[in-house]
């Protein structure tokens, strides 16, 4: 272990208060923690040096002895000079970075309590219309609920759980690894601190039984695939009276046979004849909101887009609705679908236009060929 001055190790002035010392240690511990520097011996050494310095400077009595006598005044708690009793607050210092189990690593006491139930996930399929306008749904949810026979205790009537013999009711068993004191969930009682010796017949000691529950959910207008809705408290019930988890509903919108969704806009199409494309026309098209008037201007080309304002889907953020976009598809008739009069008109048009088209008798053969 380094013999550098503890204030220098943490990079603080000798007059630094405990808050400043704690903040300096937190920064170094996060940077050099072994979990983030696997196999890096230098980082591990810096982490241990910072931990040793914090162990002394965070304790008013040890700090006073250190400032007066140096390292001789604080002695050593082992071959590394590391005192694990100082680190009950490490969960507060590093828990945000390495999880709640970090406090156990340094011998901190984990609070034993009733565990909340698991969250549940449900995939809900909707039509495009349901997603666009919103809908109320009733879901059938299988979940674990508190057993009514034993009120969630897991024990038969008249019996009570007994203290776990493996952990003495603490819910944890402790193992020492070097200078770390590691606490792990007791495998016998699963962290509850007690065990059921006379189990309930209804739930076999689990304290919960599976039931189907009907849950109503209001789907807002404008949802799309991957939208997630949450119903608090509609997940599984916790063991031994623990709080229930939540229900998460993941939305999947089925493809529509005529429309395509693009965000809040809806894309559709309309077929127009060649004369309508050339001369223009007034048409009606289908939208999610019903029929809508559409003006086709003269000279419209195939693939032209027309936008019907506010005929699309509501935006979830409340910023109005999208549009319905119509793509024009100009129909080109097949010769077999044209009568003699129309063929003659086309032939005459081609002659006036100077187009290099087949002669009429060739068109007749083509039409005869296709019946």
Protein backbone atom coordinates (compact mmCIF):
# COMPACT_ATOMS: atom_id res chain seq x y z
CA UNK A 1 0.00 0.00 0.00
CA UNK A 2 1.24 3.45 -0.85
CA UNK A 3 2.73 5.53 1.96
CA UNK A 4 1.63 8.81 0.39
CA UNK A 5 -0.11 11.38 2.54
CA UNK A 6 -3.83 10.58 2.78
CA UNK A 7 -4.84 14.14 1.90
CA UNK A 8 -2.63 13.93 -1.17
CA UNK A 9 -4.11 10.55 -2.15
CA UNK A 10 -7.62 12.03 -2.20
CA UNK A 11 -6.45 15.32 -3.68
CA UNK A 12 -7.93 17.52 -0.93
CA UNK A 13 -6.56 20.23 1.33
CA UNK A 14 -5.74 19.40 4.94
CA UNK A 15 -8.61 21.58 6.05
CA UNK A 16 -11.20 19.81 3.84
CA UNK A 17 -14.46 18.96 5.62
CA UNK A 18 -16.02 15.48 5.61
CA UNK A 19 -18.34 16.33 2.68
CA UNK A 20 -15.40 17.33 0.52
CA UNK A 21 -13.47 14.20 1.54
CA UNK A 22 -16.45 12.03 0.67
CA UNK A 23 -16.90 13.67 -2.73
CA UNK A 24 -13.21 13.27 -3.56
CA UNK A 25 -13.24 9.62 -2.59
CA UNK A 26 -16.41 8.96 -4.58
CA UNK A 27 -14.79 10.37 -7.71
CA UNK A 28 -11.65 8.25 -7.34
CA UNK A 29 -13.50 5.08 -6.34
CA UNK A 30 -15.76 5.25 -9.38
CA UNK A 31 -12.78 5.89 -11.67
CA UNK A 32 -10.52 3.12 -10.32
CA UNK A 33 -13.02 0.52 -9.14
CA UNK A 34 -11.93 -3.03 -10.19
CA UNK A 35 -15.30 -3.66 -11.87
CA UNK A 36 -14.44 -0.92 -14.35
CA UNK A 37 -10.75 -1.78 -14.66
CA UNK A 38 -10.67 -5.55 -14.85
CA UNK A 39 -7.10 -6.86 -14.65
CA UNK A 40 -5.56 -3.41 -14.17
CA UNK A 41 -3.30 -3.78 -11.14
CA UNK A 42 -2.41 -0.09 -11.05
CA UNK A 43 -6.07 0.93 -10.93
CA UNK A 44 -6.71 -1.63 -8.18
CA UNK A 45 -3.81 -0.22 -6.14
CA UNK A 46 -5.16 3.33 -6.53
CA UNK A 47 -8.61 2.17 -5.50
CA UNK A 48 -7.25 0.54 -2.34
CA UNK A 49 -5.11 3.60 -1.53
CA UNK A 50 -8.12 5.90 -1.88
CA UNK A 51 -10.23 3.53 0.23
CA UNK A 52 -7.62 3.44 2.98
CA UNK A 53 -7.34 7.24 2.95
CA UNK A 54 -11.10 7.66 3.16
CA UNK A 55 -11.30 5.14 6.01
CA UNK A 56 -9.10 7.41 8.09
CA UNK A 57 -10.12 10.91 6.98
CA UNK A 58 -13.87 10.20 7.17
CA UNK A 59 -13.60 9.19 10.84
CA UNK A 60 -13.13 12.28 13.09
CA UNK A 61 -11.21 10.38 15.79
CA UNK A 62 -8.88 8.60 13.36
CA UNK A 63 -8.35 11.79 11.40
CA UNK A 64 -7.32 13.65 14.54
CA UNK A 65 -4.80 10.96 15.43
CA UNK A 66 -3.50 10.91 11.85
CA UNK A 67 -3.05 14.68 11.72
CA UNK A 68 -1.11 14.55 15.02
CA UNK A 69 0.95 11.38 14.68
CA UNK A 70 0.72 10.37 10.99
CA UNK A 71 0.18 6.71 10.07
CA UNK A 72 1.58 5.61 13.43
CA UNK A 73 -1.47 7.18 15.06
CA UNK A 74 -4.04 5.13 13.13
CA UNK A 75 -2.27 1.76 13.11
CA UNK A 76 -3.46 -0.93 10.71
CA UNK A 77 -6.56 -3.08 10.40
CA UNK A 78 -4.76 -5.80 8.49
CA UNK A 79 -1.96 -6.29 6.04
CA UNK A 80 -3.26 -3.43 3.91
CA UNK A 81 -4.15 -0.97 6.62
CA UNK A 82 -7.81 -1.23 5.47
CA UNK A 83 -10.50 -1.14 8.17
CA UNK A 84 -13.76 -2.67 6.87
CA UNK A 85 -15.77 -1.38 9.82
CA UNK A 86 -15.51 2.13 8.39
CA UNK A 87 -17.42 1.27 5.22
CA UNK A 88 -21.03 0.94 6.34
CA UNK A 89 -21.87 4.03 4.27
CA UNK A 90 -20.29 2.81 1.01
CA UNK A 91 -23.72 1.91 -0.34
CA UNK A 92 -24.58 5.61 -0.15
CA UNK A 93 -21.31 6.61 -1.80
CA UNK A 94 -21.19 4.12 -4.69
CA UNK A 95 -24.61 2.49 -4.83
CA UNK A 96 -25.73 4.65 -7.76
CA UNK A 97 -22.81 3.35 -9.82
CA UNK A 98 -22.48 -0.31 -8.82
CA UNK A 99 -25.93 -1.27 -7.60
CA UNK A 100 -27.50 -1.85 -4.20
CA UNK A 101 -25.32 -4.89 -3.57
CA UNK A 102 -22.23 -2.66 -3.28
CA UNK A 103 -23.07 -1.85 0.36
CA UNK A 104 -23.04 -5.56 1.18
CA UNK A 105 -19.56 -5.86 -0.31
CA UNK A 106 -18.18 -3.61 2.41
CA UNK A 107 -20.15 -5.14 5.25
CA UNK A 108 -23.07 -2.72 5.19
CA UNK A 109 -26.44 -3.87 6.52
CA UNK A 110 -29.04 -4.41 3.82
CA UNK A 111 -32.54 -3.58 4.92
CA UNK A 112 -34.75 -6.60 5.14
CA UNK A 113 -38.26 -5.97 3.95
CA UNK A 114 -41.14 -7.34 1.99
CA UNK A 115 -40.17 -7.71 -1.63
CA UNK A 116 -42.41 -6.12 -4.24
CA UNK A 117 -44.02 -8.35 -6.83
CA UNK A 118 -42.73 -8.74 -10.36
CA UNK A 119 -43.74 -6.39 -13.18
CA UNK A 120 -45.77 -7.96 -15.98
CA UNK A 121 -45.70 -7.30 -19.73
CA UNK A 122 -48.68 -7.66 -22.09
CA UNK A 123 -48.58 -7.26 -25.87
CA UNK A 124 -51.75 -5.62 -27.19
CA UNK A 125 -52.56 -5.67 -30.90
CA UNK A 126 -54.63 -2.81 -32.33
CA UNK A 127 -56.07 -1.91 -35.70
CA UNK A 128 -54.91 1.33 -37.30
CA UNK A 129 -58.30 2.86 -36.54
CA UNK A 130 -58.05 1.92 -32.84
CA UNK A 131 -54.56 3.39 -32.65
CA UNK A 132 -55.66 6.57 -34.42
CA UNK A 133 -58.76 7.32 -32.35
CA UNK A 134 -58.05 5.53 -29.06
CA UNK A 135 -59.96 2.63 -27.58
CA UNK A 136 -60.88 1.06 -24.25
CA UNK A 137 -59.70 -2.54 -23.86
CA UNK A 138 -60.28 -5.23 -21.26
CA UNK A 139 -57.23 -7.44 -20.73
CA UNK A 140 -57.15 -10.93 -19.24
CA UNK A 141 -53.99 -11.00 -17.11
CA UNK A 142 -52.70 -14.17 -15.37
CA UNK A 143 -50.72 -13.19 -12.28
CA UNK A 144 -49.74 -14.29 -8.79
CA UNK A 145 -52.02 -12.82 -6.13
CA UNK A 146 -51.97 -13.01 -2.35
CA UNK A 147 -53.43 -16.29 -1.13
CA UNK A 148 -56.76 -15.71 0.58
CA UNK A 149 -56.52 -18.80 2.76
CA UNK A 150 -53.37 -17.70 4.59
CA UNK A 151 -53.50 -13.96 3.80
CA UNK A 152 -50.08 -14.26 2.17
CA UNK A 153 -48.21 -15.67 5.16
CA UNK A 154 -47.71 -19.06 3.53
CA UNK A 155 -48.51 -20.88 6.76
CA UNK A 156 -51.48 -23.05 7.63
CA UNK A 157 -54.19 -21.60 9.86
CA UNK A 158 -52.95 -21.09 13.39
CA UNK A 159 -49.26 -21.42 12.47
CA UNK A 160 -46.60 -18.76 12.21
CA UNK A 161 -43.28 -18.58 10.35
CA UNK A 162 -40.20 -19.30 12.47
CA UNK A 163 -36.85 -17.55 12.46
CA UNK A 164 -34.47 -18.93 9.83
CA UNK A 165 -31.76 -21.01 11.49
CA UNK A 166 -29.26 -20.39 8.69
CA UNK A 167 -29.12 -16.59 9.00
CA UNK A 168 -30.65 -16.01 12.43
CA UNK A 169 -33.43 -13.89 10.94
CA UNK A 170 -31.13 -11.42 9.19
CA UNK A 171 -31.98 -12.64 5.69
CA UNK A 172 -28.29 -12.71 4.81
CA UNK A 173 -25.25 -14.88 5.32
CA UNK A 174 -21.85 -13.21 5.45
CA UNK A 175 -18.62 -14.42 3.89
CA UNK A 176 -15.21 -12.77 4.36
CA UNK A 177 -13.06 -12.42 1.25
CA UNK A 178 -9.73 -10.81 2.04
CA UNK A 179 -10.46 -7.41 3.54
CA UNK A 180 -13.99 -7.40 2.12
CA UNK A 181 -16.97 -8.68 4.10
CA UNK A 182 -19.50 -9.95 1.55
CA UNK A 183 -23.16 -10.36 2.47
CA UNK A 184 -25.32 -12.66 0.35
CA UNK A 185 -29.01 -13.47 0.38
CA UNK A 186 -29.70 -16.44 2.61
CA UNK A 187 -30.49 -19.43 0.36
CA UNK A 188 -32.70 -21.08 3.00
CA UNK A 189 -35.19 -18.27 3.60
CA UNK A 190 -34.55 -16.33 0.34
CA UNK A 191 -33.76 -13.20 2.28
CA UNK A 192 -36.98 -13.11 4.31
CA UNK A 193 -35.41 -14.04 7.65
CA UNK A 194 -38.09 -16.63 8.43
CA UNK A 195 -39.29 -19.95 7.05
CA UNK A 196 -42.69 -21.67 6.96
CA UNK A 197 -42.69 -25.04 8.72
CA UNK A 198 -46.43 -25.79 8.37
CA UNK A 199 -47.35 -24.64 4.84
CA UNK A 200 -50.79 -23.55 3.70
CA UNK A 201 -52.54 -26.25 1.65
CA UNK A 202 -53.98 -23.73 -0.79
CA UNK A 203 -50.68 -22.18 -1.88
CA UNK A 204 -48.17 -24.80 -0.61
CA UNK A 205 -46.41 -22.19 1.50
CA UNK A 206 -45.79 -19.72 -1.34
CA UNK A 207 -48.28 -17.19 0.02
CA UNK A 208 -49.52 -16.52 -3.51
CA UNK A 209 -51.68 -18.32 -6.04
CA UNK A 210 -52.16 -17.75 -9.78
CA UNK A 211 -55.36 -16.04 -10.80
CA UNK A 212 -56.73 -14.41 -13.93
CA UNK A 213 -57.66 -10.79 -13.53
CA UNK A 214 -59.54 -8.57 -15.96
CA UNK A 215 -57.81 -5.20 -16.23
CA UNK A 216 -59.37 -2.29 -18.09
CA UNK A 217 -57.05 0.03 -19.95
CA UNK A 218 -57.78 3.21 -21.89
CA UNK A 219 -55.55 3.47 -24.96
CA UNK A 220 -55.07 7.12 -25.94
CA UNK A 221 -55.42 8.31 -29.53
CA UNK A 222 -52.17 8.39 -31.47
CA UNK A 223 -50.34 5.37 -30.06
CA UNK A 224 -48.08 3.41 -32.38
CA UNK A 225 -46.09 0.18 -32.36
CA UNK A 226 -43.57 0.24 -29.48
CA UNK A 227 -45.68 2.63 -27.43
CA UNK A 228 -45.67 1.36 -23.83
CA UNK A 229 -48.51 2.01 -21.38
CA UNK A 230 -48.19 1.48 -17.61
CA UNK A 231 -50.80 0.44 -15.08
CA UNK A 232 -49.34 0.90 -11.61
CA UNK A 233 -50.05 -1.89 -9.12
CA UNK A 234 -51.50 -4.33 -11.65
CA UNK A 235 -48.47 -6.64 -11.70
CA UNK A 236 -47.86 -9.67 -9.50
CA UNK A 237 -48.38 -9.36 -5.75
CA UNK A 238 -45.27 -9.47 -3.61
CA UNK A 239 -44.45 -12.32 -1.23
CA UNK A 240 -45.57 -12.03 2.37
CA UNK A 241 -47.66 -8.96 1.67
CA UNK A 242 -45.14 -7.14 -0.49
CA UNK A 243 -46.39 -4.37 -2.76
CA UNK A 244 -47.61 -5.42 -6.22
CA UNK A 245 -45.54 -4.74 -9.32
CA UNK A 246 -46.74 -2.84 -12.36
CA UNK A 247 -48.32 -3.93 -15.64
CA UNK A 248 -46.68 -2.70 -18.86
CA UNK A 249 -48.74 -2.88 -22.05
CA UNK A 250 -46.71 -2.85 -25.28
CA UNK A 251 -48.70 -1.70 -28.32
CA UNK A 252 -48.47 -3.43 -31.71
CA UNK A 253 -50.44 -1.84 -34.57
CA UNK A 254 -51.45 -4.27 -37.32
CA UNK A 255 -50.86 -3.28 -40.99
CA UNK A 256 -53.85 -1.76 -42.79
CA UNK A 257 -55.07 -3.17 -46.09
CA UNK A 258 -55.33 0.24 -47.78
CA UNK A 259 -53.42 2.79 -45.73
CA UNK A 260 -49.83 3.12 -44.60
CA UNK A 261 -48.88 5.03 -41.48
CA UNK A 262 -45.94 7.42 -41.41
CA UNK A 263 -45.79 8.98 -37.97
CA UNK A 264 -48.94 11.07 -37.60
CA UNK A 265 -49.57 11.06 -41.38
CA UNK A 266 -51.52 8.44 -43.31
CA UNK A 267 -50.57 7.54 -46.87
CA UNK A 268 -53.24 6.35 -49.32
CA UNK A 269 -53.71 6.25 -53.08
CA UNK A 270 -56.32 7.05 -55.68
CA UNK A 271 -56.59 5.74 -59.22
CA UNK A 272 -57.37 8.26 -61.91
CA UNK A 273 -57.99 7.80 -65.59
CA UNK A 274 -55.81 9.31 -68.29
CA UNK A 275 -58.44 11.95 -69.19
CA UNK A 276 -58.79 12.87 -65.50
CA UNK A 277 -55.04 13.27 -65.23
CA UNK A 278 -54.93 15.48 -68.33
CA UNK A 279 -58.10 17.53 -67.82
CA UNK A 280 -58.40 17.48 -64.02
CA UNK A 281 -61.24 16.12 -61.89
CA UNK A 282 -63.11 16.45 -58.59
CA UNK A 283 -63.08 13.15 -56.67
CA UNK A 284 -63.83 11.70 -53.25
CA UNK A 285 -61.29 9.53 -51.46
CA UNK A 286 -61.41 7.38 -48.35
CA UNK A 287 -59.61 8.51 -45.18
CA UNK A 288 -59.64 7.30 -41.57
CA UNK A 289 -62.15 10.09 -40.95
CA UNK A 290 -64.48 9.03 -43.78
CA UNK A 291 -64.93 10.42 -47.29
CA UNK A 292 -63.06 13.59 -48.24
CA UNK A 293 -63.13 15.78 -51.35
CA UNK A 294 -59.99 15.84 -53.50
CA UNK A 295 -59.32 18.18 -56.39
CA UNK A 296 -57.14 16.71 -59.14
CA UNK A 297 -55.61 19.57 -61.14
CA UNK A 298 -55.18 19.36 -64.88
CA UNK A 299 -51.86 17.86 -65.95
CA UNK A 300 -51.45 15.60 -62.93
CA UNK A 301 -48.69 13.03 -63.38
CA UNK A 302 -48.44 9.53 -62.05
CA UNK A 303 -47.15 9.50 -58.46
CA UNK A 304 -48.19 13.07 -57.65
CA UNK A 305 -48.95 13.64 -53.95
CA UNK A 306 -51.87 15.60 -52.49
CA UNK A 307 -52.20 16.49 -48.81
CA UNK A 308 -55.50 16.59 -46.96
CA UNK A 309 -54.84 18.66 -43.86
CA UNK A 310 -55.71 17.24 -40.40
CA UNK A 311 -57.14 14.03 -41.83
CA UNK A 312 -54.40 11.90 -40.27
CA UNK A 313 -53.69 10.62 -36.75
CA UNK A 314 -53.67 12.54 -33.48
CA UNK A 315 -50.24 13.27 -32.01
CA UNK A 316 -49.61 11.90 -28.53
CA UNK A 317 -48.06 15.17 -27.40
CA UNK A 318 -51.31 16.98 -28.15
CA UNK A 319 -49.99 19.00 -31.12
CA UNK A 320 -53.02 18.38 -33.32
CA UNK A 321 -53.35 15.75 -36.03
CA UNK A 322 -51.29 14.72 -39.00
CA UNK A 323 -52.43 14.76 -42.64
CA UNK A 324 -53.80 12.23 -45.09
CA UNK A 325 -51.47 12.08 -48.10
CA UNK A 326 -52.95 10.80 -51.36
CA UNK A 327 -50.74 9.48 -54.17
CA UNK A 328 -52.20 9.62 -57.68
CA UNK A 329 -51.99 6.44 -59.77
CA UNK A 330 -52.74 7.14 -63.45
CA UNK A 331 -54.40 4.11 -65.05
CA UNK A 332 -53.21 3.05 -68.49
CA UNK A 333 -55.94 0.93 -70.13
CA UNK A 334 -55.15 -2.30 -71.97
CA UNK A 335 -56.27 -2.54 -75.63
CA UNK A 336 -58.54 -5.47 -74.79
CA UNK A 337 -60.53 -3.17 -72.50
CA UNK A 338 -61.17 -0.56 -75.23
CA UNK A 339 -63.99 -0.64 -77.73
CA UNK A 340 -63.61 0.34 -81.40
CA UNK A 341 -64.60 3.94 -80.83
CA UNK A 342 -61.95 4.49 -78.16
CA UNK A 343 -59.30 2.74 -80.22
CA UNK A 344 -60.09 4.96 -83.19
CA UNK A 345 -59.89 8.08 -81.03
CA UNK A 346 -56.51 7.02 -79.70
CA UNK A 347 -55.31 6.26 -83.20
CA UNK A 348 -56.48 9.67 -84.39
CA UNK A 349 -54.79 11.35 -81.38
CA UNK A 350 -51.55 9.55 -82.18
CA UNK A 351 -51.70 10.73 -85.81
CA UNK A 352 -52.29 14.33 -84.71
CA UNK A 353 -49.50 14.07 -82.16
CA UNK A 354 -47.10 12.42 -84.61
CA UNK A 355 -46.61 9.50 -82.25
CA UNK A 356 -44.99 6.36 -83.61
CA UNK A 357 -47.69 3.84 -82.62
CA UNK A 358 -48.75 0.56 -84.08
CA UNK A 359 -51.33 0.51 -86.85
CA UNK A 360 -54.95 -0.18 -86.01
CA UNK A 361 -54.94 -3.68 -87.48
CA UNK A 362 -52.08 -4.66 -85.15
CA UNK A 363 -54.09 -3.40 -82.19
CA UNK A 364 -57.06 -5.43 -83.36
CA UNK A 365 -54.92 -8.60 -83.40
CA UNK A 366 -53.66 -7.84 -79.89
CA UNK A 367 -57.21 -7.39 -78.66
CA UNK A 368 -58.35 -10.60 -80.37
CA UNK A 369 -55.42 -12.46 -78.83
CA UNK A 370 -56.51 -11.53 -75.30
CA UNK A 371 -60.17 -12.15 -75.99
